[in-house]
Amino acid sequence: MKGPNYTTADLFYWGGFIAGTGIGVTLARKLGVSNQIVTLLIGMALGVGLGYLLERIHSGPQGPQDF
Protein backbone atom coordinates (compact mmCIF):
# COMPACT_ATOMS: atom_id res chain seq x y z
CA MET A 1 0.00 0.00 0.00
CA LYS A 2 1.38 3.37 -1.04
CA GLY A 3 0.80 6.56 0.96
CA PRO A 4 0.11 10.04 -0.33
CA ASN A 5 2.88 11.88 -2.12
CA TYR A 6 3.07 14.96 0.08
CA THR A 7 6.08 17.24 -0.13
CA THR A 8 7.39 20.08 2.02
CA ALA A 9 6.00 22.49 -0.58
CA ASP A 10 2.53 21.24 0.40
CA LEU A 11 3.30 22.08 4.02
CA PHE A 12 4.24 25.64 3.11
CA TYR A 13 1.14 26.09 0.92
CA TRP A 14 -1.35 24.73 3.45
CA GLY A 15 0.32 26.50 6.36
CA GLY A 16 0.10 29.79 4.47
CA PHE A 17 -3.48 29.06 3.46
CA ILE A 18 -4.59 28.43 7.04
CA ALA A 19 -2.70 31.45 8.41
CA GLY A 20 -3.92 33.72 5.61
CA THR A 21 -7.51 32.61 6.03
CA GLY A 22 -7.39 33.35 9.74
CA ILE A 23 -5.80 36.75 9.18
CA GLY A 24 -8.25 37.60 6.38
CA VAL A 25 -11.31 36.68 8.45
CA THR A 26 -10.01 38.69 11.40
CA LEU A 27 -9.29 41.74 9.21
CA ALA A 28 -12.68 41.52 7.49
CA ARG A 29 -14.44 41.45 10.87
CA LYS A 30 -12.38 44.43 12.10
CA LEU A 31 -13.33 46.34 8.93
CA GLY A 32 -17.01 45.78 9.75
CA VAL A 33 -18.01 43.14 7.20
CA SER A 34 -21.10 41.56 8.76
CA ASN A 35 -21.93 38.90 6.17
CA GLN A 36 -20.23 35.65 7.18
CA ILE A 37 -19.98 34.30 3.64
CA VAL A 38 -18.26 37.47 2.41
CA THR A 39 -15.96 37.36 5.43
CA LEU A 40 -15.02 33.76 4.65
CA LEU A 41 -14.47 34.54 0.95
CA ILE A 42 -12.15 37.43 1.86
CA GLY A 43 -10.25 35.16 4.23
CA MET A 44 -9.97 32.35 1.70
CA ALA A 45 -8.76 34.72 -1.02
CA LEU A 46 -6.04 36.00 1.28
CA GLY A 47 -5.25 32.42 2.32
CA VAL A 48 -4.83 31.21 -1.24
CA GLY A 49 -2.62 34.18 -2.05
CA LEU A 50 -0.41 33.75 1.01
CA GLY A 51 -0.21 29.98 0.51
CA TYR A 52 0.84 30.42 -3.11
CA LEU A 53 3.40 33.06 -2.17
CA LEU A 54 4.98 30.91 0.55
CA GLU A 55 5.07 27.84 -1.70
CA ARG A 56 6.78 29.82 -4.48
CA ILE A 57 9.32 31.27 -2.02
CA HIS A 58 10.03 27.77 -0.71
CA SER A 59 10.37 26.26 -4.20
CA GLY A 60 12.89 28.88 -5.30
CA PRO A 61 13.45 30.14 -8.83
CA GLN A 62 12.05 28.05 -11.64
CA GLY A 63 13.32 27.68 -15.17
CA PRO A 64 16.78 27.44 -16.72
CA GLN A 65 19.70 28.88 -14.81
CA ASP A 66 22.22 31.06 -16.66
CA PHE A 67 25.44 29.95 -14.97
PDB file of N, CA and C in Angstrom:
ATOM      1  N   MET A   1       0.840  -1.169   0.000  1.00  0.00           N
ATOM      2  CA  MET A   1       0.000   0.000   0.000  1.00  0.00           C
ATOM      3  C   MET A   1       0.892   1.241   0.000  1.00  0.00           C
ATOM      4  N   LYS A   2       0.583   2.161  -0.878  1.00  0.00           N
ATOM      5  CA  LYS A   2       1.380   3.366  -1.042  1.00  0.00           C
ATOM      6  C   LYS A   2       0.649   4.550  -0.416  1.00  0.00           C
ATOM      7  N   GLY A   3       1.388   5.393   0.313  1.00  0.00           N
ATOM      8  CA  GLY A   3       0.804   6.560   0.960  1.00  0.00           C
ATOM      9  C   GLY A   3       0.720   7.738   0.012  1.00  0.00           C
ATOM     10  N   PRO A   4       0.193   8.844   0.501  1.00  0.00           N
ATOM     11  CA  PRO A   4       0.105  10.044  -0.329  1.00  0.00           C
ATOM     12  C   PRO A   4       1.485  10.621  -0.610  1.00  0.00           C
ATOM     13  N   ASN A   5       1.599  11.303  -1.697  1.00  0.00           N
ATOM     14  CA  ASN A   5       2.883  11.876  -2.116  1.00  0.00           C
ATOM     15  C   ASN A   5       2.989  13.340  -1.707  1.00  0.00           C
ATOM     16  N   TYR A   6       2.944  13.603  -0.415  1.00  0.00           N
ATOM     17  CA  TYR A   6       3.067  14.960   0.079  1.00  0.00           C
ATOM     18  C   TYR A   6       4.520  15.398   0.067  1.00  0.00           C
ATOM     19  N   THR A   7       4.739  16.686  -0.157  1.00  0.00           N
ATOM     20  CA  THR A   7       6.080  17.245  -0.129  1.00  0.00           C
ATOM     21  C   THR A   7       6.113  18.394   0.876  1.00  0.00           C
ATOM     22  N   THR A   8       7.305  18.933   1.114  1.00  0.00           N
ATOM     23  CA  THR A   8       7.392  20.077   2.015  1.00  0.00           C
ATOM     24  C   THR A   8       6.748  21.319   1.395  1.00  0.00           C
ATOM     25  N   ALA A   9       6.680  21.376   0.072  1.00  0.00           N
ATOM     26  CA  ALA A   9       5.999  22.495  -0.580  1.00  0.00           C
ATOM     27  C   ALA A   9       4.515  22.499  -0.201  1.00  0.00           C
ATOM     28  N   ASP A  10       3.920  21.322  -0.042  1.00  0.00           N
ATOM     29  CA  ASP A  10       2.529  21.238   0.399  1.00  0.00           C
ATOM     30  C   ASP A  10       2.370  21.806   1.797  1.00  0.00           C
ATOM     31  N   LEU A  11       3.330  21.553   2.659  1.00  0.00           N
ATOM     32  CA  LEU A  11       3.300  22.077   4.020  1.00  0.00           C
ATOM     33  C   LEU A  11       3.327  23.604   4.012  1.00  0.00           C
ATOM     34  N   PHE A  12       4.166  24.184   3.181  1.00  0.00           N
ATOM     35  CA  PHE A  12       4.241  25.638   3.106  1.00  0.00           C
ATOM     36  C   PHE A  12       2.949  26.216   2.543  1.00  0.00           C
ATOM     37  N   TYR A  13       2.381  25.579   1.505  1.00  0.00           N
ATOM     38  CA  TYR A  13       1.140  26.086   0.923  1.00  0.00           C
ATOM     39  C   TYR A  13       0.005  26.035   1.942  1.00  0.00           C
ATOM     40  N   TRP A  14      -0.214  24.878   2.537  1.00  0.00           N
ATOM     41  CA  TRP A  14      -1.352  24.733   3.448  1.00  0.00           C
ATOM     42  C   TRP A  14      -1.166  25.531   4.731  1.00  0.00           C
ATOM     43  N   GLY A  15       0.059  25.652   5.204  1.00  0.00           N
ATOM     44  CA  GLY A  15       0.317  26.503   6.364  1.00  0.00           C
ATOM     45  C   GLY A  15      -0.010  27.958   6.060  1.00  0.00           C
ATOM     46  N   GLY A  16       0.412  28.422   4.895  1.00  0.00           N
ATOM     47  CA  GLY A  16       0.096  29.786   4.469  1.00  0.00           C
ATOM     48  C   GLY A  16      -1.382  29.985   4.243  1.00  0.00           C
ATOM     49  N   PHE A  17      -2.040  28.977   3.698  1.00  0.00           N
ATOM     50  CA  PHE A  17      -3.482  29.057   3.460  1.00  0.00           C
ATOM     51  C   PHE A  17      -4.239  29.205   4.779  1.00  0.00           C
ATOM     52  N   ILE A  18      -3.891  28.377   5.752  1.00  0.00           N
ATOM     53  CA  ILE A  18      -4.586  28.431   7.039  1.00  0.00           C
ATOM     54  C   ILE A  18      -4.311  29.759   7.743  1.00  0.00           C
ATOM     55  N   ALA A  19      -3.049  30.184   7.768  1.00  0.00           N
ATOM     56  CA  ALA A  19      -2.704  31.454   8.414  1.00  0.00           C
ATOM     57  C   ALA A  19      -3.370  32.628   7.694  1.00  0.00           C
ATOM     58  N   GLY A  20      -3.316  32.637   6.377  1.00  0.00           N
ATOM     59  CA  GLY A  20      -3.917  33.722   5.607  1.00  0.00           C
ATOM     60  C   GLY A  20      -5.421  33.788   5.757  1.00  0.00           C
ATOM     61  N   THR A  21      -6.072  32.631   5.832  1.00  0.00           N
ATOM     62  CA  THR A  21      -7.515  32.612   6.032  1.00  0.00           C
ATOM     63  C   THR A  21      -7.873  33.191   7.393  1.00  0.00           C
ATOM     64  N   GLY A  22      -7.138  32.811   8.409  1.00  0.00           N
ATOM     65  CA  GLY A  22      -7.393  33.355   9.742  1.00  0.00           C
ATOM     66  C   GLY A  22      -7.175  34.856   9.803  1.00  0.00           C
ATOM     67  N   ILE A  23      -6.088  35.310   9.198  1.00  0.00           N
ATOM     68  CA  ILE A  23      -5.799  36.746   9.179  1.00  0.00           C
ATOM     69  C   ILE A  23      -6.858  37.497   8.371  1.00  0.00           C
ATOM     70  N   GLY A  24      -7.246  36.944   7.229  1.00  0.00           N
ATOM     71  CA  GLY A  24      -8.252  37.598   6.383  1.00  0.00           C
ATOM     72  C   GLY A  24      -9.606  37.704   7.057  1.00  0.00           C
ATOM     73  N   VAL A  25     -10.026  36.651   7.744  1.00  0.00           N
ATOM     74  CA  VAL A  25     -11.310  36.683   8.450  1.00  0.00           C
ATOM     75  C   VAL A  25     -11.254  37.712   9.574  1.00  0.00           C
ATOM     76  N   THR A  26     -10.151  37.730  10.304  1.00  0.00           N
ATOM     77  CA  THR A  26     -10.012  38.694  11.397  1.00  0.00           C
ATOM     78  C   THR A  26     -10.035  40.130  10.871  1.00  0.00           C
ATOM     79  N   LEU A  27      -9.307  40.393   9.791  1.00  0.00           N
ATOM     80  CA  LEU A  27      -9.287  41.737   9.215  1.00  0.00           C
ATOM     81  C   LEU A  27     -10.660  42.140   8.679  1.00  0.00           C
ATOM     82  N   ALA A  28     -11.351  41.214   8.029  1.00  0.00           N
ATOM     83  CA  ALA A  28     -12.679  41.523   7.493  1.00  0.00           C
ATOM     84  C   ALA A  28     -13.647  41.866   8.623  1.00  0.00           C
ATOM     85  N   ARG A  29     -13.570  41.136   9.726  1.00  0.00           N
ATOM     86  CA  ARG A  29     -14.439  41.450  10.872  1.00  0.00           C
ATOM     87  C   ARG A  29     -14.094  42.807  11.464  1.00  0.00           C
ATOM     88  N   LYS A  30     -12.797  43.131  11.556  1.00  0.00           N
ATOM     89  CA  LYS A  30     -12.383  44.434  12.098  1.00  0.00           C
ATOM     90  C   LYS A  30     -12.809  45.578  11.185  1.00  0.00           C
ATOM     91  N   LEU A  31     -12.898  45.314   9.877  1.00  0.00           N
ATOM     92  CA  LEU A  31     -13.333  46.340   8.931  1.00  0.00           C
ATOM     93  C   LEU A  31     -14.852  46.501   8.911  1.00  0.00           C
ATOM     94  N   GLY A  32     -15.561  45.633   9.630  1.00  0.00           N
ATOM     95  CA  GLY A  32     -17.008  45.784   9.752  1.00  0.00           C
ATOM     96  C   GLY A  32     -17.831  44.974   8.767  1.00  0.00           C
ATOM     97  N   VAL A  33     -17.246  43.999   8.112  1.00  0.00           N
ATOM     98  CA  VAL A  33     -18.011  43.142   7.205  1.00  0.00           C
ATOM     99  C   VAL A  33     -18.878  42.231   8.060  1.00  0.00           C
ATOM    100  N   SER A  34     -20.200  42.314   7.893  1.00  0.00           N
ATOM    101  CA  SER A  34     -21.099  41.557   8.763  1.00  0.00           C
ATOM    102  C   SER A  34     -21.569  40.246   8.139  1.00  0.00           C
ATOM    103  N   ASN A  35     -21.493  40.124   6.828  1.00  0.00           N
ATOM    104  CA  ASN A  35     -21.926  38.905   6.167  1.00  0.00           C
ATOM    105  C   ASN A  35     -20.850  37.836   6.328  1.00  0.00           C
ATOM    106  N   GLN A  36     -21.217  36.698   6.898  1.00  0.00           N
ATOM    107  CA  GLN A  36     -20.234  35.648   7.183  1.00  0.00           C
ATOM    108  C   GLN A  36     -19.659  35.017   5.917  1.00  0.00           C
ATOM    109  N   ILE A  37     -20.466  34.896   4.889  1.00  0.00           N
ATOM    110  CA  ILE A  37     -19.979  34.300   3.642  1.00  0.00           C
ATOM    111  C   ILE A  37     -18.943  35.215   2.992  1.00  0.00           C
ATOM    112  N   VAL A  38     -19.216  36.515   2.984  1.00  0.00           N
ATOM    113  CA  VAL A  38     -18.264  37.474   2.415  1.00  0.00           C
ATOM    114  C   VAL A  38     -16.986  37.470   3.239  1.00  0.00           C
ATOM    115  N   THR A  39     -17.124  37.409   4.560  1.00  0.00           N
ATOM    116  CA  THR A  39     -15.957  37.359   5.434  1.00  0.00           C
ATOM    117  C   THR A  39     -15.112  36.131   5.122  1.00  0.00           C
ATOM    118  N   LEU A  40     -15.744  34.987   4.963  1.00  0.00           N
ATOM    119  CA  LEU A  40     -15.019  33.763   4.647  1.00  0.00           C
ATOM    120  C   LEU A  40     -14.362  33.837   3.269  1.00  0.00           C
ATOM    121  N   LEU A  41     -15.041  34.400   2.293  1.00  0.00           N
ATOM    122  CA  LEU A  41     -14.467  34.535   0.952  1.00  0.00           C
ATOM    123  C   LEU A  41     -13.239  35.448   0.961  1.00  0.00           C
ATOM    124  N   ILE A  42     -13.310  36.536   1.735  1.00  0.00           N
ATOM    125  CA  ILE A  42     -12.152  37.428   1.858  1.00  0.00           C
ATOM    126  C   ILE A  42     -10.990  36.663   2.495  1.00  0.00           C
ATOM    127  N   GLY A  43     -11.286  35.928   3.553  1.00  0.00           N
ATOM    128  CA  GLY A  43     -10.254  35.157   4.232  1.00  0.00           C
ATOM    129  C   GLY A  43      -9.643  34.096   3.335  1.00  0.00           C
ATOM    130  N   MET A  44     -10.482  33.395   2.580  1.00  0.00           N
ATOM    131  CA  MET A  44      -9.965  32.346   1.695  1.00  0.00           C
ATOM    132  C   MET A  44      -9.134  32.939   0.562  1.00  0.00           C
ATOM    133  N   ALA A  45      -9.543  34.084   0.041  1.00  0.00           N
ATOM    134  CA  ALA A  45      -8.764  34.720  -1.022  1.00  0.00           C
ATOM    135  C   ALA A  45      -7.380  35.094  -0.506  1.00  0.00           C
ATOM    136  N   LEU A  46      -7.328  35.666   0.691  1.00  0.00           N
ATOM    137  CA  LEU A  46      -6.035  35.999   1.279  1.00  0.00           C
ATOM    138  C   LEU A  46      -5.240  34.733   1.587  1.00  0.00           C
ATOM    139  N   GLY A  47      -5.926  33.684   2.025  1.00  0.00           N
ATOM    140  CA  GLY A  47      -5.254  32.422   2.323  1.00  0.00           C
ATOM    141  C   GLY A  47      -4.639  31.775   1.090  1.00  0.00           C
ATOM    142  N   VAL A  48      -5.366  31.774   0.004  1.00  0.00           N
ATOM    143  CA  VAL A  48      -4.831  31.206  -1.240  1.00  0.00           C
ATOM    144  C   VAL A  48      -3.623  32.015  -1.712  1.00  0.00           C
ATOM    145  N   GLY A  49      -3.734  33.334  -1.627  1.00  0.00           N
ATOM    146  CA  GLY A  49      -2.619  34.178  -2.051  1.00  0.00           C
ATOM    147  C   GLY A  49      -1.377  33.973  -1.197  1.00  0.00           C
ATOM    148  N   LEU A  50      -1.551  33.938   0.124  1.00  0.00           N
ATOM    149  CA  LEU A  50      -0.407  33.745   1.007  1.00  0.00           C
ATOM    150  C   LEU A  50       0.171  32.344   0.860  1.00  0.00           C
ATOM    151  N   GLY A  51      -0.688  31.345   0.709  1.00  0.00           N
ATOM    152  CA  GLY A  51      -0.210  29.977   0.509  1.00  0.00           C
ATOM    153  C   GLY A  51       0.611  29.849  -0.764  1.00  0.00           C
ATOM    154  N   TYR A  52       0.122  30.463  -1.842  1.00  0.00           N
ATOM    155  CA  TYR A  52       0.844  30.419  -3.107  1.00  0.00           C
ATOM    156  C   TYR A  52       2.190  31.129  -2.988  1.00  0.00           C
ATOM    157  N   LEU A  53       2.178  32.293  -2.335  1.00  0.00           N
ATOM    158  CA  LEU A  53       3.402  33.056  -2.173  1.00  0.00           C
ATOM    159  C   LEU A  53       4.444  32.270  -1.371  1.00  0.00           C
ATOM    160  N   LEU A  54       4.043  31.675  -0.268  1.00  0.00           N
ATOM    161  CA  LEU A  54       4.984  30.911   0.548  1.00  0.00           C
ATOM    162  C   LEU A  54       5.504  29.676  -0.184  1.00  0.00           C
ATOM    163  N   GLU A  55       4.637  29.023  -0.940  1.00  0.00           N
ATOM    164  CA  GLU A  55       5.066  27.841  -1.700  1.00  0.00           C
ATOM    165  C   GLU A  55       6.078  28.230  -2.780  1.00  0.00           C
ATOM    166  N   ARG A  56       5.855  29.362  -3.445  1.00  0.00           N
ATOM    167  CA  ARG A  56       6.784  29.815  -4.481  1.00  0.00           C
ATOM    168  C   ARG A  56       8.118  30.233  -3.870  1.00  0.00           C
ATOM    169  N   ILE A  57       8.077  30.893  -2.700  1.00  0.00           N
ATOM    170  CA  ILE A  57       9.319  31.271  -2.024  1.00  0.00           C
ATOM    171  C   ILE A  57      10.091  30.016  -1.629  1.00  0.00           C
ATOM    172  N   HIS A  58       9.381  29.016  -1.126  1.00  0.00           N
ATOM    173  CA  HIS A  58      10.031  27.771  -0.715  1.00  0.00           C
ATOM    174  C   HIS A  58      10.630  27.034  -1.910  1.00  0.00           C
ATOM    175  N   SER A  59       9.913  27.015  -3.031  1.00  0.00           N
ATOM    176  CA  SER A  59      10.370  26.264  -4.205  1.00  0.00           C
ATOM    177  C   SER A  59      11.566  26.911  -4.874  1.00  0.00           C
ATOM    178  N   GLY A  60      11.757  28.198  -4.692  1.00  0.00           N
ATOM    179  CA  GLY A  60      12.888  28.882  -5.304  1.00  0.00           C
ATOM    180  C   GLY A  60      12.620  29.225  -6.748  1.00  0.00           C
ATOM    181  N   PRO A  61      13.635  29.740  -7.429  1.00  0.00           N
ATOM    182  CA  PRO A  61      13.446  30.138  -8.827  1.00  0.00           C
ATOM    183  C   PRO A  61      13.217  28.918  -9.729  1.00  0.00           C
ATOM    184  N   GLN A  62      12.370  29.115 -10.699  1.00  0.00           N
ATOM    185  CA  GLN A  62      12.053  28.054 -11.645  1.00  0.00           C
ATOM    186  C   GLN A  62      12.621  28.424 -13.013  1.00  0.00           C
ATOM    187  N   GLY A  63      12.839  27.430 -13.818  1.00  0.00           N
ATOM    188  CA  GLY A  63      13.324  27.678 -15.166  1.00  0.00           C
ATOM    189  C   GLY A  63      14.823  27.468 -15.283  1.00  0.00           C
ATOM    190  N   PRO A  64      15.356  27.676 -16.492  1.00  0.00           N
ATOM    191  CA  PRO A  64      16.785  27.438 -16.718  1.00  0.00           C
ATOM    192  C   PRO A  64      17.637  28.467 -15.990  1.00  0.00           C
ATOM    193  N   GLN A  65      18.747  28.017 -15.500  1.00  0.00           N
ATOM    194  CA  GLN A  65      19.696  28.878 -14.807  1.00  0.00           C
ATOM    195  C   GLN A  65      20.798  29.288 -15.784  1.00  0.00           C
ATOM    196  N   ASP A  66      21.178  30.545 -15.764  1.00  0.00           N
ATOM    197  CA  ASP A  66      22.216  31.055 -16.658  1.00  0.00           C
ATOM    198  C   ASP A  66      23.551  31.128 -15.929  1.00  0.00           C
ATOM    199  N   PHE A  67      24.152  29.976 -15.646  1.00  0.00           N
ATOM    200  CA  PHE A  67      25.437  29.954 -14.974  1.00  0.00           C
ATOM    201  C   PHE A  67      26.515  29.595 -15.962  1.00  0.00           C
TER     202      PHE A  67
END
